[in-house]
Amino acid sequence: MLFSRRDPAGWQERLRVFLWPRRSWVRSGKYVAKRIFRLTASPHAVAAGVSAGVFASFTPYFGFHFMIAFAVAYLIGGNFIAAAMGTFFGNPLTFPFIAAGTWSTGRFILSGAHIGSFGNGGHSRLGEITEKGLFTNGFSGFVERVAHLWEPIILPWSVGAIPLGVTFGIIFYVLTRWAAIRFREARLRQLEMRAAVNGQAKDGAEPEPSRTAIAMDEPSPVSQQKPPAGKLNDTAA
């Protein structure tokens, strides 16, 4: 395959790149921002797509963030590519804060309802899943372990993701729309200045003479030829 690695990356290398990209988080963020601003969609579609991706990053359904972002982007008229890039908001640097904030918010909202305590049973269940694996005993074991985590972890996280995801989604919508408009205005000014410079260069250049004018100015080869000596003597006589 063209441009493929000579030595395929192992899981350790993939994990390292996931936790810390080769370009660093700052350069990767700038790269994603430029890709977003250069999309040909309208500023509303770009901003709505980014906000959909940010909202999806607050949900606890890892592995389904793209599908959630696409669904939300479809409902609010967002761009799907911008939605996929918006999920970049959820990364190893922000996930600890997202998890703590959404879970605490969900616990606060559900304080009137009877929900399991993460402190009492959540740690032991997480330890069991870490030790035995999430997919032990097939699909039935997966459903059983998810059911054990639903009440103390997933339910509060899901409930808390709604207000926080909507809030940050609105914030990123406003910022992205403003930045996209400014980026396009600056790009338009740059193109206009470039067109003006090219126009001035064409106006200041001397026009090239046409081939007809060149042919009229140059003496013909026949007139430049000297007559033979005999003809010169006859003419003189």
Protein backbone atom coordinates (compact mmCIF):
# COMPACT_ATOMS: atom_id res chain seq x y z
CA MET A 1 0.00 0.00 0.00
CA LEU A 2 1.28 3.45 -0.89
CA PHE A 3 2.69 5.50 2.03
CA SER A 4 2.20 2.58 4.43
CA ARG A 5 4.64 1.91 7.24
CA ARG A 6 7.46 -0.47 6.50
CA ASP A 7 7.09 -1.93 9.98
CA PRO A 8 3.46 -2.06 11.19
CA ALA A 9 2.96 -0.26 14.50
CA GLY A 10 2.27 -2.46 17.49
CA TRP A 11 -0.33 -1.85 20.15
CA GLN A 12 2.25 -0.11 22.37
CA GLU A 13 3.02 2.43 19.62
CA ARG A 14 -0.67 2.97 18.89
CA LEU A 15 -1.37 3.51 22.57
CA ARG A 16 1.49 5.99 22.85
CA VAL A 17 0.27 7.96 19.81
CA PHE A 18 -3.26 7.96 21.21
CA LEU A 19 -2.08 9.35 24.54
CA TRP A 20 0.47 11.75 23.04
CA PRO A 21 0.36 12.44 19.27
CA ARG A 22 3.59 12.73 17.32
CA ARG A 23 2.81 16.38 16.56
CA SER A 24 1.95 17.17 20.20
CA TRP A 25 -1.53 18.14 21.30
CA VAL A 26 -1.06 21.83 20.44
CA ARG A 27 0.03 21.21 16.85
CA SER A 28 -2.63 18.55 16.39
CA GLY A 29 -5.28 20.96 17.67
CA LYS A 30 -4.14 23.68 15.28
CA TYR A 31 -4.17 21.20 12.40
CA VAL A 32 -7.73 20.11 13.19
CA ALA A 33 -8.86 23.75 13.53
CA LYS A 34 -7.43 24.64 10.10
CA ARG A 35 -9.08 21.62 8.53
CA ILE A 36 -12.40 22.67 10.06
CA PHE A 37 -12.16 26.30 8.91
CA ARG A 38 -11.27 25.25 5.36
CA LEU A 39 -14.44 23.22 4.89
CA THR A 40 -16.61 24.48 2.06
CA ALA A 41 -19.84 24.26 4.08
CA SER A 42 -21.58 27.33 5.49
CA PRO A 43 -20.38 28.77 8.82
CA HIS A 44 -23.57 27.50 10.48
CA ALA A 45 -23.05 23.96 9.17
CA VAL A 46 -19.41 23.92 10.28
CA ALA A 47 -20.21 25.32 13.73
CA ALA A 48 -23.19 22.99 14.19
CA GLY A 49 -21.06 19.99 13.23
CA VAL A 50 -18.35 20.91 15.73
CA SER A 51 -20.92 21.43 18.49
CA ALA A 52 -22.41 18.00 17.71
CA GLY A 53 -18.98 16.39 18.07
CA VAL A 54 -18.35 18.22 21.34
CA PHE A 55 -21.71 17.08 22.69
CA ALA A 56 -20.99 13.46 21.74
CA SER A 57 -17.67 13.61 23.59
CA PHE A 58 -19.50 14.07 26.89
CA THR A 59 -21.44 10.81 26.58
CA PRO A 60 -20.08 7.63 28.17
CA TYR A 61 -20.71 5.52 25.07
CA PHE A 62 -17.15 5.14 23.86
CA GLY A 63 -16.91 3.68 20.38
CA PHE A 64 -20.19 5.31 19.38
CA HIS A 65 -19.17 8.97 19.56
CA PHE A 66 -18.99 9.29 15.77
CA MET A 67 -22.49 7.90 15.31
CA ILE A 68 -23.88 10.14 18.07
CA ALA A 69 -22.14 13.16 16.54
CA PHE A 70 -23.50 12.33 13.07
CA ALA A 71 -27.04 11.90 14.42
CA VAL A 72 -26.95 15.21 16.29
CA ALA A 73 -25.36 16.97 13.29
CA TYR A 74 -28.13 15.65 11.05
CA LEU A 75 -30.80 17.00 13.40
CA ILE A 76 -29.31 20.50 13.66
CA GLY A 77 -28.04 20.82 10.08
CA GLY A 78 -24.36 20.33 10.82
CA ASN A 79 -21.55 19.16 8.60
CA PHE A 80 -20.59 15.51 9.14
CA ILE A 81 -16.86 16.08 8.64
CA ALA A 82 -16.93 18.92 11.17
CA ALA A 83 -18.86 16.65 13.54
CA ALA A 84 -16.20 13.95 13.27
CA MET A 85 -13.46 16.50 13.94
CA GLY A 86 -15.47 17.94 16.82
CA THR A 87 -15.10 14.66 18.69
CA PHE A 88 -11.42 15.60 19.01
CA PHE A 89 -12.60 17.58 22.05
CA GLY A 90 -12.78 14.25 23.85
CA ASN A 91 -9.19 13.05 24.25
CA PRO A 92 -7.03 11.54 26.99
CA LEU A 93 -6.33 15.03 28.36
CA THR A 94 -9.99 16.02 28.72
CA PHE A 95 -11.69 12.69 29.42
CA PRO A 96 -10.83 12.66 33.16
CA PHE A 97 -12.43 16.08 33.61
CA ILE A 98 -15.39 15.16 31.39
CA ALA A 99 -16.00 11.94 33.30
CA ALA A 100 -15.77 13.59 36.71
CA GLY A 101 -17.93 16.55 35.72
CA THR A 102 -20.66 14.61 33.96
CA TRP A 103 -20.86 11.89 36.62
CA SER A 104 -21.04 14.43 39.45
CA THR A 105 -23.67 16.47 37.60
CA GLY A 106 -25.72 13.37 36.93
CA ARG A 107 -25.52 12.32 40.56
CA PHE A 108 -26.70 15.76 41.60
CA ILE A 109 -29.64 15.68 39.17
CA LEU A 110 -30.62 12.16 40.24
CA SER A 111 -30.15 12.87 43.95
CA GLY A 112 -33.89 12.44 44.50
CA ALA A 113 -33.88 9.04 42.81
CA HIS A 114 -32.44 5.87 44.28
CA ILE A 115 -29.23 5.11 42.44
CA GLY A 116 -26.35 2.91 43.41
CA SER A 117 -23.31 4.44 45.03
CA PHE A 118 -20.12 4.31 43.02
CA GLY A 119 -18.09 4.35 46.21
CA ASN A 120 -19.73 1.23 47.62
CA GLY A 121 -19.99 -1.02 44.61
CA GLY A 122 -18.54 0.80 41.66
CA HIS A 123 -14.88 0.25 42.48
CA SER A 124 -15.32 -3.48 43.07
CA ARG A 125 -17.25 -3.85 39.81
CA LEU A 126 -14.65 -1.90 37.87
CA GLY A 127 -11.95 -4.07 39.42
CA GLU A 128 -13.83 -7.19 38.41
CA ILE A 129 -14.19 -5.98 34.83
CA THR A 130 -10.53 -5.00 34.67
CA GLU A 131 -9.47 -8.40 35.98
CA LYS A 132 -11.83 -10.62 33.98
CA GLY A 133 -12.45 -8.45 30.93
CA LEU A 134 -15.60 -6.85 29.62
CA PHE A 135 -16.35 -9.60 27.10
CA THR A 136 -15.74 -12.60 29.35
CA ASN A 137 -18.36 -15.34 28.78
CA GLY A 138 -19.36 -13.81 25.46
CA PHE A 139 -22.18 -11.40 24.85
CA SER A 140 -24.13 -12.51 27.93
CA GLY A 141 -21.18 -11.64 30.15
CA PHE A 142 -20.88 -8.26 28.44
CA VAL A 143 -24.56 -7.47 29.09
CA GLU A 144 -24.27 -8.61 32.71
CA ARG A 145 -21.26 -6.41 33.44
CA VAL A 146 -22.75 -3.39 31.69
CA ALA A 147 -25.93 -3.89 33.72
CA HIS A 148 -23.86 -3.87 36.91
CA LEU A 149 -22.25 -0.57 35.86
CA TRP A 150 -25.45 1.04 34.57
CA GLU A 151 -26.87 2.32 37.83
CA PRO A 152 -23.74 3.52 39.65
CA ILE A 153 -21.75 4.84 36.66
CA ILE A 154 -23.37 4.90 33.21
CA LEU A 155 -26.77 6.30 34.22
CA PRO A 156 -25.43 9.35 36.13
CA TRP A 157 -22.84 9.93 33.43
CA SER A 158 -25.50 9.82 30.70
CA VAL A 159 -27.79 12.21 32.58
CA GLY A 160 -24.98 14.64 33.39
CA ALA A 161 -23.76 14.56 29.79
CA ILE A 162 -26.93 16.29 28.58
CA PRO A 163 -26.63 19.67 30.35
CA LEU A 164 -22.83 19.83 30.13
CA GLY A 165 -22.76 18.64 26.52
CA VAL A 166 -25.42 21.15 25.48
CA THR A 167 -23.65 23.98 27.33
CA PHE A 168 -20.24 23.31 25.83
CA GLY A 169 -21.83 22.59 22.45
CA ILE A 170 -23.42 26.05 22.42
CA ILE A 171 -20.13 27.65 23.48
CA PHE A 172 -18.20 25.90 20.72
CA TYR A 173 -20.94 26.71 18.20
CA VAL A 174 -20.59 30.44 18.90
CA LEU A 175 -16.77 30.34 18.89
CA THR A 176 -16.52 28.18 15.76
CA ARG A 177 -19.04 30.24 13.79
CA TRP A 178 -17.24 33.48 14.71
CA ALA A 179 -13.82 32.01 13.87
CA ALA A 180 -15.05 30.52 10.58
CA ILE A 181 -16.49 33.87 9.45
CA ARG A 182 -13.29 35.72 10.39
CA PHE A 183 -11.15 33.09 8.67
CA ARG A 184 -13.13 33.38 5.44
CA GLU A 185 -13.08 37.18 5.52
CA ALA A 186 -9.30 37.17 5.98
CA ARG A 187 -8.90 34.63 3.18
CA LEU A 188 -11.12 36.73 0.89
CA ARG A 189 -9.06 39.86 1.60
CA GLN A 190 -5.90 37.93 0.87
CA LEU A 191 -7.28 36.73 -2.47
CA GLU A 192 -8.41 40.26 -3.38
CA MET A 193 -4.97 41.69 -2.56
CA ARG A 194 -3.32 38.99 -4.62
CA ALA A 195 -5.64 39.69 -7.55
CA ALA A 196 -4.95 43.44 -7.27
CA VAL A 197 -1.19 42.86 -7.28
CA ASN A 198 -1.46 40.63 -10.33
CA GLY A 199 -3.62 43.24 -12.09
CA GLN A 200 -1.13 46.03 -11.40
CA ALA A 201 1.70 43.89 -12.69
CA LYS A 202 -0.16 43.27 -15.93
CA ASP A 203 -1.05 46.97 -16.36
CA GLY A 204 2.53 48.15 -15.79
CA ALA A 205 4.13 45.73 -18.23
CA GLU A 206 4.88 46.98 -21.78
CA PRO A 207 2.68 45.38 -24.39
CA GLU A 208 4.45 42.85 -26.52
CA PRO A 209 4.60 43.81 -30.24
CA SER A 210 2.58 41.68 -32.55
CA ARG A 211 4.15 39.42 -35.12
CA THR A 212 2.78 41.59 -37.95
CA ALA A 213 4.47 44.72 -36.57
CA ILE A 214 7.73 42.88 -36.19
CA ALA A 215 7.52 41.66 -39.78
CA MET A 216 6.79 45.20 -41.07
CA ASP A 217 9.69 46.78 -39.18
CA GLU A 218 12.29 44.25 -40.23
CA PRO A 219 13.69 44.59 -43.79
CA SER A 220 12.89 41.73 -46.04
CA PRO A 221 15.67 39.29 -46.90
CA VAL A 222 15.22 40.03 -50.63
CA SER A 223 15.98 43.75 -50.21
CA GLN A 224 19.12 43.00 -48.28
CA GLN A 225 20.61 40.88 -51.08
CA LYS A 226 23.24 42.64 -53.26
CA PRO A 227 22.74 42.46 -57.05
CA PRO A 228 25.41 40.69 -59.12
CA ALA A 229 28.37 42.71 -60.45
CA GLY A 230 27.23 42.48 -64.09
CA LYS A 231 23.90 44.03 -63.31
CA LEU A 232 25.62 46.88 -61.48
CA ASN A 233 27.74 47.66 -64.59
CA ASP A 234 24.73 47.60 -66.88
CA THR A 235 22.89 49.96 -64.59
CA ALA A 236 25.81 52.37 -64.48
CA ALA A 237 26.09 52.35 -68.26
